[in-house]
Amino acid sequence: MYPWDEIQPEHDSTLAIIHECVKRGHKVAVATPANLTIRDSIAYAFSSVIKKMDKVPAQFKSFL
């Protein structure tokens, strides 16, 4: 997936999949390569959890 500031919501299928997963009640987390680490042969990611909003703020682009 592209960096967040380069996402084109109307063309990005990954963003549509994330949206659908959150809409269906699944937990979704996003991590960047800079936030990945390995300790004792176990992979870890420092991630941000995506939460469902009741109303999308006006400044957000929509892909629907």
PDB file of N, CA and C in Angstrom:
ATOM      1  N   MET A   1       0.841  -1.174   0.000  1.00  0.00           N
ATOM      2  CA  MET A   1       0.000   0.000   0.000  1.00  0.00           C
ATOM      3  C   MET A   1       0.886   1.236   0.000  1.00  0.00           C
ATOM      4  N   TYR A   2       0.385   2.293  -0.570  1.00  0.00           N
ATOM      5  CA  TYR A   2       1.116   3.553  -0.647  1.00  0.00           C
ATOM      6  C   TYR A   2       1.154   4.240   0.715  1.00  0.00           C
ATOM      7  N   PRO A   3       2.098   5.190   0.899  1.00  0.00           N
ATOM      8  CA  PRO A   3       2.068   5.993   2.131  1.00  0.00           C
ATOM      9  C   PRO A   3       0.720   6.716   2.238  1.00  0.00           C
ATOM     10  N   TRP A   4       0.253   6.944   3.482  1.00  0.00           N
ATOM     11  CA  TRP A   4      -1.071   7.539   3.705  1.00  0.00           C
ATOM     12  C   TRP A   4      -1.278   8.837   2.938  1.00  0.00           C
ATOM     13  N   ASP A   5      -0.243   9.672   2.812  1.00  0.00           N
ATOM     14  CA  ASP A   5      -0.422  10.962   2.140  1.00  0.00           C
ATOM     15  C   ASP A   5      -0.507  10.833   0.617  1.00  0.00           C
ATOM     16  N   GLU A   6      -0.250   9.640   0.070  1.00  0.00           N
ATOM     17  CA  GLU A   6      -0.326   9.427  -1.373  1.00  0.00           C
ATOM     18  C   GLU A   6      -1.527   8.578  -1.792  1.00  0.00           C
ATOM     19  N   ILE A   7      -2.372   8.208  -0.857  1.00  0.00           N
ATOM     20  CA  ILE A   7      -3.516   7.352  -1.167  1.00  0.00           C
ATOM     21  C   ILE A   7      -4.535   8.108  -2.008  1.00  0.00           C
ATOM     22  N   GLN A   8      -5.029   7.444  -3.024  1.00  0.00           N
ATOM     23  CA  GLN A   8      -6.121   7.972  -3.839  1.00  0.00           C
ATOM     24  C   GLN A   8      -7.333   7.093  -3.540  1.00  0.00           C
ATOM     25  N   PRO A   9      -8.191   7.521  -2.595  1.00  0.00           N
ATOM     26  CA  PRO A   9      -9.299   6.679  -2.135  1.00  0.00           C
ATOM     27  C   PRO A   9     -10.172   6.113  -3.248  1.00  0.00           C
ATOM     28  N   GLU A  10     -10.367   6.877  -4.301  1.00  0.00           N
ATOM     29  CA  GLU A  10     -11.240   6.406  -5.372  1.00  0.00           C
ATOM     30  C   GLU A  10     -10.606   5.293  -6.211  1.00  0.00           C
ATOM     31  N   HIS A  11      -9.282   5.074  -6.066  1.00  0.00           N
ATOM     32  CA  HIS A  11      -8.586   4.062  -6.867  1.00  0.00           C
ATOM     33  C   HIS A  11      -7.892   2.988  -6.038  1.00  0.00           C
ATOM     34  N   ASP A  12      -7.844   3.111  -4.733  1.00  0.00           N
ATOM     35  CA  ASP A  12      -7.062   2.202  -3.895  1.00  0.00           C
ATOM     36  C   ASP A  12      -7.918   1.058  -3.361  1.00  0.00           C
ATOM     37  N   SER A  13      -7.697  -0.146  -3.872  1.00  0.00           N
ATOM     38  CA  SER A  13      -8.501  -1.300  -3.452  1.00  0.00           C
ATOM     39  C   SER A  13      -8.173  -1.731  -2.023  1.00  0.00           C
ATOM     40  N   THR A  14      -6.933  -1.533  -1.578  1.00  0.00           N
ATOM     41  CA  THR A  14      -6.573  -1.902  -0.207  1.00  0.00           C
ATOM     42  C   THR A  14      -7.391  -1.100   0.787  1.00  0.00           C
ATOM     43  N   LEU A  15      -7.577   0.171   0.520  1.00  0.00           N
ATOM     44  CA  LEU A  15      -8.374   1.022   1.400  1.00  0.00           C
ATOM     45  C   LEU A  15      -9.832   0.563   1.422  1.00  0.00           C
ATOM     46  N   ALA A  16     -10.341   0.137   0.290  1.00  0.00           N
ATOM     47  CA  ALA A  16     -11.714  -0.376   0.229  1.00  0.00           C
ATOM     48  C   ALA A  16     -11.846  -1.658   1.051  1.00  0.00           C
ATOM     49  N   ILE A  17     -10.832  -2.519   1.016  1.00  0.00           N
ATOM     50  CA  ILE A  17     -10.852  -3.756   1.804  1.00  0.00           C
ATOM     51  C   ILE A  17     -10.807  -3.432   3.294  1.00  0.00           C
ATOM     52  N   ILE A  18      -9.951  -2.490   3.685  1.00  0.00           N
ATOM     53  CA  ILE A  18      -9.878  -2.068   5.089  1.00  0.00           C
ATOM     54  C   ILE A  18     -11.239  -1.546   5.538  1.00  0.00           C
ATOM     55  N   HIS A  19     -11.855  -0.708   4.725  1.00  0.00           N
ATOM     56  CA  HIS A  19     -13.167  -0.136   5.043  1.00  0.00           C
ATOM     57  C   HIS A  19     -14.197  -1.238   5.257  1.00  0.00           C
ATOM     58  N   GLU A  20     -14.232  -2.207   4.370  1.00  0.00           N
ATOM     59  CA  GLU A  20     -15.215  -3.289   4.469  1.00  0.00           C
ATOM     60  C   GLU A  20     -14.971  -4.143   5.711  1.00  0.00           C
ATOM     61  N   CYS A  21     -13.719  -4.413   6.035  1.00  0.00           N
ATOM     62  CA  CYS A  21     -13.400  -5.203   7.236  1.00  0.00           C
ATOM     63  C   CYS A  21     -13.860  -4.492   8.505  1.00  0.00           C
ATOM     64  N   VAL A  22     -13.590  -3.195   8.597  1.00  0.00           N
ATOM     65  CA  VAL A  22     -14.013  -2.418   9.767  1.00  0.00           C
ATOM     66  C   VAL A  22     -15.534  -2.376   9.841  1.00  0.00           C
ATOM     67  N   LYS A  23     -16.171  -2.191   8.693  1.00  0.00           N
ATOM     68  CA  LYS A  23     -17.636  -2.140   8.631  1.00  0.00           C
ATOM     69  C   LYS A  23     -18.261  -3.444   9.135  1.00  0.00           C
ATOM     70  N   ARG A  24     -17.585  -4.567   8.890  1.00  0.00           N
ATOM     71  CA  ARG A  24     -18.100  -5.875   9.310  1.00  0.00           C
ATOM     72  C   ARG A  24     -17.699  -6.243  10.737  1.00  0.00           C
ATOM     73  N   GLY A  25     -16.998  -5.330  11.413  1.00  0.00           N
ATOM     74  CA  GLY A  25     -16.677  -5.550  12.818  1.00  0.00           C
ATOM     75  C   GLY A  25     -15.340  -6.212  13.099  1.00  0.00           C
ATOM     76  N   HIS A  26     -14.507  -6.376  12.074  1.00  0.00           N
ATOM     77  CA  HIS A  26     -13.186  -6.966  12.278  1.00  0.00           C
ATOM     78  C   HIS A  26     -12.219  -5.923  12.825  1.00  0.00           C
ATOM     79  N   LYS A  27     -11.233  -6.362  13.584  1.00  0.00           N
ATOM     80  CA  LYS A  27     -10.183  -5.460  14.049  1.00  0.00           C
ATOM     81  C   LYS A  27      -9.144  -5.338  12.939  1.00  0.00           C
ATOM     82  N   VAL A  28      -8.795  -4.107  12.592  1.00  0.00           N
ATOM     83  CA  VAL A  28      -7.824  -3.847  11.538  1.00  0.00           C
ATOM     84  C   VAL A  28      -6.745  -2.937  12.100  1.00  0.00           C
ATOM     85  N   ALA A  29      -5.494  -3.300  11.873  1.00  0.00           N
ATOM     86  CA  ALA A  29      -4.370  -2.482  12.316  1.00  0.00           C
ATOM     87  C   ALA A  29      -3.447  -2.237  11.129  1.00  0.00           C
ATOM     88  N   VAL A  30      -2.834  -1.071  11.094  1.00  0.00           N
ATOM     89  CA  VAL A  30      -1.934  -0.691  10.014  1.00  0.00           C
ATOM     90  C   VAL A  30      -0.553  -0.441  10.602  1.00  0.00           C
ATOM     91  N   ALA A  31       0.457  -1.001   9.946  1.00  0.00           N
ATOM     92  CA  ALA A  31       1.843  -0.796  10.370  1.00  0.00           C
ATOM     93  C   ALA A  31       2.677  -0.441   9.145  1.00  0.00           C
ATOM     94  N   THR A  32       3.698   0.356   9.353  1.00  0.00           N
ATOM     95  CA  THR A  32       4.614   0.706   8.277  1.00  0.00           C
ATOM     96  C   THR A  32       5.895  -0.111   8.434  1.00  0.00           C
ATOM     97  N   PRO A  33       6.693  -0.241   7.382  1.00  0.00           N
ATOM     98  CA  PRO A  33       7.944  -0.996   7.499  1.00  0.00           C
ATOM     99  C   PRO A  33       8.855  -0.473   8.616  1.00  0.00           C
ATOM    100  N   ALA A  34       8.814   0.824   8.868  1.00  0.00           N
ATOM    101  CA  ALA A  34       9.644   1.407   9.927  1.00  0.00           C
ATOM    102  C   ALA A  34       9.217   0.935  11.314  1.00  0.00           C
ATOM    103  N   ASN A  35       7.999   0.425  11.438  1.00  0.00           N
ATOM    104  CA  ASN A  35       7.475  -0.015  12.730  1.00  0.00           C
ATOM    105  C   ASN A  35       7.498  -1.529  12.901  1.00  0.00           C
ATOM    106  N   LEU A  36       8.296  -2.216  12.088  1.00  0.00           N
ATOM    107  CA  LEU A  36       8.443  -3.666  12.206  1.00  0.00           C
ATOM    108  C   LEU A  36       9.756  -3.989  12.907  1.00  0.00           C
ATOM    109  N   THR A  37       9.749  -5.026  13.716  1.00  0.00           N
ATOM    110  CA  THR A  37      10.960  -5.432  14.428  1.00  0.00           C
ATOM    111  C   THR A  37      10.934  -6.938  14.668  1.00  0.00           C
ATOM    112  N   ILE A  38      12.087  -7.507  14.948  1.00  0.00           N
ATOM    113  CA  ILE A  38      12.194  -8.926  15.295  1.00  0.00           C
ATOM    114  C   ILE A  38      12.945  -9.032  16.607  1.00  0.00           C
ATOM    115  N   ARG A  39      12.374  -9.800  17.537  1.00  0.00           N
ATOM    116  CA  ARG A  39      13.020 -10.064  18.826  1.00  0.00           C
ATOM    117  C   ARG A  39      12.930 -11.552  19.103  1.00  0.00           C
ATOM    118  N   ASP A  40      14.051 -12.167  19.376  1.00  0.00           N
ATOM    119  CA  ASP A  40      14.086 -13.608  19.655  1.00  0.00           C
ATOM    120  C   ASP A  40      13.370 -14.407  18.567  1.00  0.00           C
ATOM    121  N   SER A  41      13.648 -14.072  17.319  1.00  0.00           N
ATOM    122  CA  SER A  41      13.085 -14.754  16.142  1.00  0.00           C
ATOM    123  C   SER A  41      11.565 -14.630  16.020  1.00  0.00           C
ATOM    124  N   ILE A  42      10.974 -13.635  16.674  1.00  0.00           N
ATOM    125  CA  ILE A  42       9.535 -13.382  16.583  1.00  0.00           C
ATOM    126  C   ILE A  42       9.329 -11.983  16.002  1.00  0.00           C
ATOM    127  N   ALA A  43       8.488 -11.896  14.981  1.00  0.00           N
ATOM    128  CA  ALA A  43       8.203 -10.605  14.347  1.00  0.00           C
ATOM    129  C   ALA A  43       7.148  -9.843  15.143  1.00  0.00           C
ATOM    130  N   TYR A  44       7.378  -8.535  15.305  1.00  0.00           N
ATOM    131  CA  TYR A  44       6.445  -7.646  15.997  1.00  0.00           C
ATOM    132  C   TYR A  44       6.201  -6.423  15.118  1.00  0.00           C
ATOM    133  N   ALA A  45       5.057  -5.800  15.305  1.00  0.00           N
ATOM    134  CA  ALA A  45       4.742  -4.566  14.594  1.00  0.00           C
ATOM    135  C   ALA A  45       4.095  -3.585  15.561  1.00  0.00           C
ATOM    136  N   PHE A  46       4.580  -2.360  15.558  1.00  0.00           N
ATOM    137  CA  PHE A  46       3.933  -1.276  16.289  1.00  0.00           C
ATOM    138  C   PHE A  46       2.907  -0.707  15.314  1.00  0.00           C
ATOM    139  N   SER A  47       1.640  -0.888  15.622  1.00  0.00           N
ATOM    140  CA  SER A  47       0.596  -0.570  14.652  1.00  0.00           C
ATOM    141  C   SER A  47      -0.445   0.384  15.219  1.00  0.00           C
ATOM    142  N   SER A  48      -1.219   0.940  14.308  1.00  0.00           N
ATOM    143  CA  SER A  48      -2.349   1.799  14.668  1.00  0.00           C
ATOM    144  C   SER A  48      -3.628   1.053  14.324  1.00  0.00           C
ATOM    145  N   VAL A  49      -4.533   0.979  15.280  1.00  0.00           N
ATOM    146  CA  VAL A  49      -5.802   0.286  15.058  1.00  0.00           C
ATOM    147  C   VAL A  49      -6.786   1.244  14.399  1.00  0.00           C
ATOM    148  N   ILE A  50      -7.424   0.771  13.335  1.00  0.00           N
ATOM    149  CA  ILE A  50      -8.427   1.557  12.624  1.00  0.00           C
ATOM    150  C   ILE A  50      -9.761   1.352  13.332  1.00  0.00           C
ATOM    151  N   LYS A  51     -10.415   2.455  13.685  1.00  0.00           N
ATOM    152  CA  LYS A  51     -11.699   2.368  14.381  1.00  0.00           C
ATOM    153  C   LYS A  51     -12.803   2.969  13.522  1.00  0.00           C
ATOM    154  N   LYS A  52     -13.975   2.377  13.635  1.00  0.00           N
ATOM    155  CA  LYS A  52     -15.132   2.861  12.885  1.00  0.00           C
ATOM    156  C   LYS A  52     -15.610   4.183  13.471  1.00  0.00           C
ATOM    157  N   MET A  53     -15.903   5.133  12.590  1.00  0.00           N
ATOM    158  CA  MET A  53     -16.440   6.426  13.008  1.00  0.00           C
ATOM    159  C   MET A  53     -17.924   6.463  12.669  1.00  0.00           C
ATOM    160  N   ASP A  54     -18.694   7.159  13.477  1.00  0.00           N
ATOM    161  CA  ASP A  54     -20.114   7.323  13.168  1.00  0.00           C
ATOM    162  C   ASP A  54     -20.299   8.193  11.931  1.00  0.00           C
ATOM    163  N   LYS A  55     -19.488   9.234  11.831  1.00  0.00           N
ATOM    164  CA  LYS A  55     -19.577  10.142  10.698  1.00  0.00           C
ATOM    165  C   LYS A  55     -18.161  10.473  10.254  1.00  0.00           C
ATOM    166  N   VAL A  56     -17.918  10.414   8.963  1.00  0.00           N
ATOM    167  CA  VAL A  56     -16.601  10.721   8.424  1.00  0.00           C
ATOM    168  C   VAL A  56     -16.448  12.236   8.343  1.00  0.00           C
ATOM    169  N   PRO A  57     -15.343  12.786   8.890  1.00  0.00           N
ATOM    170  CA  PRO A  57     -15.123  14.230   8.813  1.00  0.00           C
ATOM    171  C   PRO A  57     -15.103  14.714   7.364  1.00  0.00           C
ATOM    172  N   ALA A  58     -15.580  15.914   7.135  1.00  0.00           N
ATOM    173  CA  ALA A  58     -15.720  16.474   5.786  1.00  0.00           C
ATOM    174  C   ALA A  58     -14.394  16.570   5.037  1.00  0.00           C
ATOM    175  N   GLN A  59     -13.274  16.766   5.746  1.00  0.00           N
ATOM    176  CA  GLN A  59     -11.992  16.929   5.068  1.00  0.00           C
ATOM    177  C   GLN A  59     -11.439  15.611   4.525  1.00  0.00           C
ATOM    178  N   PHE A  60     -12.022  14.457   4.892  1.00  0.00           N
ATOM    179  CA  PHE A  60     -11.567  13.161   4.403  1.00  0.00           C
ATOM    180  C   PHE A  60     -12.127  12.909   3.012  1.00  0.00           C
ATOM    181  N   LYS A  61     -11.269  12.392   2.128  1.00  0.00           N
ATOM    182  CA  LYS A  61     -11.742  11.984   0.812  1.00  0.00           C
ATOM    183  C   LYS A  61     -12.510  10.682   0.967  1.00  0.00           C
ATOM    184  N   SER A  62     -13.485  10.491   0.136  1.00  0.00           N
ATOM    185  CA  SER A  62     -14.291   9.274   0.187  1.00  0.00           C
ATOM    186  C   SER A  62     -14.037   8.436  -1.054  1.00  0.00           C
ATOM    187  N   PHE A  63     -14.076   7.135  -0.900  1.00  0.00           N
ATOM    188  CA  PHE A  63     -13.899   6.259  -2.047  1.00  0.00           C
ATOM    189  C   PHE A  63     -15.202   5.592  -2.446  1.00  0.00           C
ATOM    190  N   LEU A  64     -16.284   5.948  -1.784  1.00  0.00           N
ATOM    191  CA  LEU A  64     -17.584   5.350  -2.109  1.00  0.00           C
ATOM    192  C   LEU A  64     -18.449   6.322  -2.860  1.00  0.00           C
TER     193      LEU A  64
END
